[in-house]
Amino acid sequence: MSIGEDTNILSYTDVADLSEYAIPAMQWAVGAGIINGTGDGSTLTPQGQATRA
């Protein structure tokens, strides 16, 4: 089993805004602890801006 494979990203309120091709990668990134949500942690903000910082 890969890291993040069993992570459920459906708990984020804006998961429907994710592009279909990005779902496996986002699921992995959340499971690996790279992404943990924005604001109070309940949203992913998939159409938002990101930095490499």
PDB file of N, CA and C in Angstrom:
ATOM      1  N   MET A   1       0.844  -1.174   0.000  1.00  0.00           N
ATOM      2  CA  MET A   1       0.000   0.000   0.000  1.00  0.00           C
ATOM      3  C   MET A   1       0.888   1.235   0.000  1.00  0.00           C
ATOM      4  N   SER A   2       0.592   2.184  -0.838  1.00  0.00           N
ATOM      5  CA  SER A   2       1.357   3.417  -0.925  1.00  0.00           C
ATOM      6  C   SER A   2       0.948   4.374   0.179  1.00  0.00           C
ATOM      7  N   ILE A   3       1.849   5.287   0.498  1.00  0.00           N
ATOM      8  CA  ILE A   3       1.529   6.331   1.467  1.00  0.00           C
ATOM      9  C   ILE A   3       0.331   7.111   0.952  1.00  0.00           C
ATOM     10  N   GLY A   4      -0.639   7.332   1.799  1.00  0.00           N
ATOM     11  CA  GLY A   4      -1.792   8.135   1.432  1.00  0.00           C
ATOM     12  C   GLY A   4      -2.883   7.384   0.702  1.00  0.00           C
ATOM     13  N   GLU A   5      -2.633   6.137   0.355  1.00  0.00           N
ATOM     14  CA  GLU A   5      -3.620   5.393  -0.420  1.00  0.00           C
ATOM     15  C   GLU A   5      -4.927   5.211   0.331  1.00  0.00           C
ATOM     16  N   ASP A   6      -4.837   5.112   1.650  1.00  0.00           N
ATOM     17  CA  ASP A   6      -6.048   4.897   2.439  1.00  0.00           C
ATOM     18  C   ASP A   6      -6.593   6.198   3.028  1.00  0.00           C
ATOM     19  N   THR A   7      -6.084   7.321   2.583  1.00  0.00           N
ATOM     20  CA  THR A   7      -6.532   8.615   3.088  1.00  0.00           C
ATOM     21  C   THR A   7      -7.834   9.018   2.418  1.00  0.00           C
ATOM     22  N   ASN A   8      -8.792   9.448   3.200  1.00  0.00           N
ATOM     23  CA  ASN A   8     -10.081   9.854   2.670  1.00  0.00           C
ATOM     24  C   ASN A   8     -10.114  11.378   2.558  1.00  0.00           C
ATOM     25  N   ILE A   9     -10.041  11.884   1.322  1.00  0.00           N
ATOM     26  CA  ILE A   9     -10.087  13.329   1.131  1.00  0.00           C
ATOM     27  C   ILE A   9     -11.514  13.840   1.028  1.00  0.00           C
ATOM     28  N   LEU A  10     -12.497  12.959   1.117  1.00  0.00           N
ATOM     29  CA  LEU A  10     -13.893  13.376   1.025  1.00  0.00           C
ATOM     30  C   LEU A  10     -14.341  14.218   2.209  1.00  0.00           C
ATOM     31  N   SER A  11     -13.565  14.244   3.270  1.00  0.00           N
ATOM     32  CA  SER A  11     -13.929  15.042   4.440  1.00  0.00           C
ATOM     33  C   SER A  11     -13.708  16.532   4.205  1.00  0.00           C
ATOM     34  N   TYR A  12     -12.960  16.897   3.169  1.00  0.00           N
ATOM     35  CA  TYR A  12     -12.768  18.310   2.851  1.00  0.00           C
ATOM     36  C   TYR A  12     -14.016  18.836   2.149  1.00  0.00           C
ATOM     37  N   THR A  13     -14.468  20.007   2.542  1.00  0.00           N
ATOM     38  CA  THR A  13     -15.740  20.528   2.031  1.00  0.00           C
ATOM     39  C   THR A  13     -15.692  20.922   0.556  1.00  0.00           C
ATOM     40  N   ASP A  14     -14.518  21.177   0.009  1.00  0.00           N
ATOM     41  CA  ASP A  14     -14.419  21.591  -1.392  1.00  0.00           C
ATOM     42  C   ASP A  14     -13.780  20.528  -2.291  1.00  0.00           C
ATOM     43  N   VAL A  15     -13.860  19.285  -1.890  1.00  0.00           N
ATOM     44  CA  VAL A  15     -13.255  18.202  -2.677  1.00  0.00           C
ATOM     45  C   VAL A  15     -13.879  18.118  -4.075  1.00  0.00           C
ATOM     46  N   ALA A  16     -15.110  18.556  -4.234  1.00  0.00           N
ATOM     47  CA  ALA A  16     -15.764  18.522  -5.546  1.00  0.00           C
ATOM     48  C   ALA A  16     -15.129  19.499  -6.529  1.00  0.00           C
ATOM     49  N   ASP A  17     -14.353  20.459  -6.030  1.00  0.00           N
ATOM     50  CA  ASP A  17     -13.679  21.423  -6.894  1.00  0.00           C
ATOM     51  C   ASP A  17     -12.379  20.875  -7.481  1.00  0.00           C
ATOM     52  N   LEU A  18     -11.940  19.714  -7.019  1.00  0.00           N
ATOM     53  CA  LEU A  18     -10.717  19.102  -7.550  1.00  0.00           C
ATOM     54  C   LEU A  18     -10.942  18.614  -8.973  1.00  0.00           C
ATOM     55  N   SER A  19      -9.952  18.809  -9.821  1.00  0.00           N
ATOM     56  CA  SER A  19     -10.004  18.219 -11.155  1.00  0.00           C
ATOM     57  C   SER A  19      -9.862  16.719 -11.002  1.00  0.00           C
ATOM     58  N   GLU A  20     -10.560  15.960 -11.817  1.00  0.00           N
ATOM     59  CA  GLU A  20     -10.570  14.510 -11.680  1.00  0.00           C
ATOM     60  C   GLU A  20      -9.166  13.906 -11.755  1.00  0.00           C
ATOM     61  N   TYR A  21      -8.323  14.461 -12.632  1.00  0.00           N
ATOM     62  CA  TYR A  21      -6.976  13.916 -12.780  1.00  0.00           C
ATOM     63  C   TYR A  21      -6.116  14.138 -11.531  1.00  0.00           C
ATOM     64  N   ALA A  22      -6.480  15.123 -10.710  1.00  0.00           N
ATOM     65  CA  ALA A  22      -5.672  15.475  -9.549  1.00  0.00           C
ATOM     66  C   ALA A  22      -6.027  14.696  -8.290  1.00  0.00           C
ATOM     67  N   ILE A  23      -7.140  13.985  -8.294  1.00  0.00           N
ATOM     68  CA  ILE A  23      -7.608  13.308  -7.077  1.00  0.00           C
ATOM     69  C   ILE A  23      -6.590  12.314  -6.523  1.00  0.00           C
ATOM     70  N   PRO A  24      -6.017  11.402  -7.331  1.00  0.00           N
ATOM     71  CA  PRO A  24      -5.033  10.473  -6.753  1.00  0.00           C
ATOM     72  C   PRO A  24      -3.815  11.184  -6.163  1.00  0.00           C
ATOM     73  N   ALA A  25      -3.332  12.214  -6.834  1.00  0.00           N
ATOM     74  CA  ALA A  25      -2.167  12.942  -6.330  1.00  0.00           C
ATOM     75  C   ALA A  25      -2.496  13.695  -5.043  1.00  0.00           C
ATOM     76  N   MET A  26      -3.668  14.309  -4.991  1.00  0.00           N
ATOM     77  CA  MET A  26      -4.062  15.021  -3.778  1.00  0.00           C
ATOM     78  C   MET A  26      -4.278  14.049  -2.627  1.00  0.00           C
ATOM     79  N   GLN A  27      -4.838  12.898  -2.924  1.00  0.00           N
ATOM     80  CA  GLN A  27      -5.042  11.894  -1.890  1.00  0.00           C
ATOM     81  C   GLN A  27      -3.693  11.455  -1.325  1.00  0.00           C
ATOM     82  N   TRP A  28      -2.709  11.259  -2.199  1.00  0.00           N
ATOM     83  CA  TRP A  28      -1.371  10.880  -1.745  1.00  0.00           C
ATOM     84  C   TRP A  28      -0.746  12.004  -0.924  1.00  0.00           C
ATOM     85  N   ALA A  29      -0.837  13.254  -1.422  1.00  0.00           N
ATOM     86  CA  ALA A  29      -0.211  14.381  -0.745  1.00  0.00           C
ATOM     87  C   ALA A  29      -0.808  14.613   0.639  1.00  0.00           C
ATOM     88  N   VAL A  30      -2.110  14.467   0.767  1.00  0.00           N
ATOM     89  CA  VAL A  30      -2.757  14.612   2.079  1.00  0.00           C
ATOM     90  C   VAL A  30      -2.311  13.473   2.996  1.00  0.00           C
ATOM     91  N   GLY A  31      -2.276  12.260   2.471  1.00  0.00           N
ATOM     92  CA  GLY A  31      -1.861  11.104   3.277  1.00  0.00           C
ATOM     93  C   GLY A  31      -0.419  11.184   3.724  1.00  0.00           C
ATOM     94  N   ALA A  32       0.435  11.797   2.889  1.00  0.00           N
ATOM     95  CA  ALA A  32       1.857  11.929   3.215  1.00  0.00           C
ATOM     96  C   ALA A  32       2.117  13.119   4.134  1.00  0.00           C
ATOM     97  N   GLY A  33       1.082  13.927   4.403  1.00  0.00           N
ATOM     98  CA  GLY A  33       1.241  15.072   5.280  1.00  0.00           C
ATOM     99  C   GLY A  33       1.810  16.301   4.590  1.00  0.00           C
ATOM    100  N   ILE A  34       1.900  16.272   3.268  1.00  0.00           N
ATOM    101  CA  ILE A  34       2.412  17.417   2.520  1.00  0.00           C
ATOM    102  C   ILE A  34       1.363  18.517   2.448  1.00  0.00           C
ATOM    103  N   ILE A  35       0.110  18.112   2.326  1.00  0.00           N
ATOM    104  CA  ILE A  35      -1.015  19.050   2.280  1.00  0.00           C
ATOM    105  C   ILE A  35      -1.943  18.705   3.440  1.00  0.00           C
ATOM    106  N   ASN A  36      -2.337  19.726   4.196  1.00  0.00           N
ATOM    107  CA  ASN A  36      -3.211  19.450   5.338  1.00  0.00           C
ATOM    108  C   ASN A  36      -4.401  20.384   5.415  1.00  0.00           C
ATOM    109  N   GLY A  37      -4.739  21.023   4.318  1.00  0.00           N
ATOM    110  CA  GLY A  37      -5.912  21.879   4.285  1.00  0.00           C
ATOM    111  C   GLY A  37      -5.569  23.331   4.549  1.00  0.00           C
ATOM    112  N   THR A  38      -6.514  24.197   4.233  1.00  0.00           N
ATOM    113  CA  THR A  38      -6.317  25.632   4.428  1.00  0.00           C
ATOM    114  C   THR A  38      -7.314  26.151   5.448  1.00  0.00           C
ATOM    115  N   GLY A  39      -7.058  27.334   5.921  1.00  0.00           N
ATOM    116  CA  GLY A  39      -7.950  27.931   6.920  1.00  0.00           C
ATOM    117  C   GLY A  39      -8.003  27.077   8.167  1.00  0.00           C
ATOM    118  N   ASP A  40      -9.191  26.611   8.504  1.00  0.00           N
ATOM    119  CA  ASP A  40      -9.338  25.767   9.690  1.00  0.00           C
ATOM    120  C   ASP A  40      -9.059  24.291   9.392  1.00  0.00           C
ATOM    121  N   GLY A  41      -8.574  23.999   8.185  1.00  0.00           N
ATOM    122  CA  GLY A  41      -8.231  22.631   7.810  1.00  0.00           C
ATOM    123  C   GLY A  41      -9.355  21.868   7.150  1.00  0.00           C
ATOM    124  N   SER A  42     -10.488  22.527   6.904  1.00  0.00           N
ATOM    125  CA  SER A  42     -11.632  21.819   6.325  1.00  0.00           C
ATOM    126  C   SER A  42     -11.716  21.939   4.811  1.00  0.00           C
ATOM    127  N   THR A  43     -10.826  22.739   4.204  1.00  0.00           N
ATOM    128  CA  THR A  43     -10.842  22.919   2.755  1.00  0.00           C
ATOM    129  C   THR A  43      -9.457  22.680   2.166  1.00  0.00           C
ATOM    130  N   LEU A  44      -9.441  22.301   0.896  1.00  0.00           N
ATOM    131  CA  LEU A  44      -8.185  22.107   0.176  1.00  0.00           C
ATOM    132  C   LEU A  44      -7.826  23.312  -0.688  1.00  0.00           C
ATOM    133  N   THR A  45      -8.812  24.097  -1.068  1.00  0.00           N
ATOM    134  CA  THR A  45      -8.653  25.255  -1.948  1.00  0.00           C
ATOM    135  C   THR A  45      -7.875  24.861  -3.208  1.00  0.00           C
ATOM    136  N   PRO A  46      -8.397  23.914  -3.978  1.00  0.00           N
ATOM    137  CA  PRO A  46      -7.666  23.402  -5.142  1.00  0.00           C
ATOM    138  C   PRO A  46      -7.456  24.421  -6.257  1.00  0.00           C
ATOM    139  N   GLN A  47      -8.251  25.457  -6.305  1.00  0.00           N
ATOM    140  CA  GLN A  47      -8.071  26.485  -7.330  1.00  0.00           C
ATOM    141  C   GLN A  47      -7.293  27.685  -6.806  1.00  0.00           C
ATOM    142  N   GLY A  48      -6.756  27.568  -5.590  1.00  0.00           N
ATOM    143  CA  GLY A  48      -5.994  28.657  -4.991  1.00  0.00           C
ATOM    144  C   GLY A  48      -4.550  28.655  -5.482  1.00  0.00           C
ATOM    145  N   GLN A  49      -3.780  29.611  -5.029  1.00  0.00           N
ATOM    146  CA  GLN A  49      -2.380  29.719  -5.396  1.00  0.00           C
ATOM    147  C   GLN A  49      -1.522  29.018  -4.359  1.00  0.00           C
ATOM    148  N   ALA A  50      -0.398  28.501  -4.809  1.00  0.00           N
ATOM    149  CA  ALA A  50       0.545  27.842  -3.915  1.00  0.00           C
ATOM    150  C   ALA A  50       1.945  28.395  -4.171  1.00  0.00           C
ATOM    151  N   THR A  51       2.775  28.350  -3.147  1.00  0.00           N
ATOM    152  CA  THR A  51       4.160  28.760  -3.290  1.00  0.00           C
ATOM    153  C   THR A  51       5.054  27.579  -2.952  1.00  0.00           C
ATOM    154  N   ARG A  52       6.297  27.683  -3.333  1.00  0.00           N
ATOM    155  CA  ARG A  52       7.247  26.623  -3.013  1.00  0.00           C
ATOM    156  C   ARG A  52       7.889  26.845  -1.660  1.00  0.00           C
ATOM    157  N   ALA A  53       7.523  27.920  -0.990  1.00  0.00           N
ATOM    158  CA  ALA A  53       8.140  28.261   0.286  1.00  0.00           C
ATOM    159  C   ALA A  53       7.703  27.322   1.389  1.00  0.00           C
TER     160      ALA A  53
END
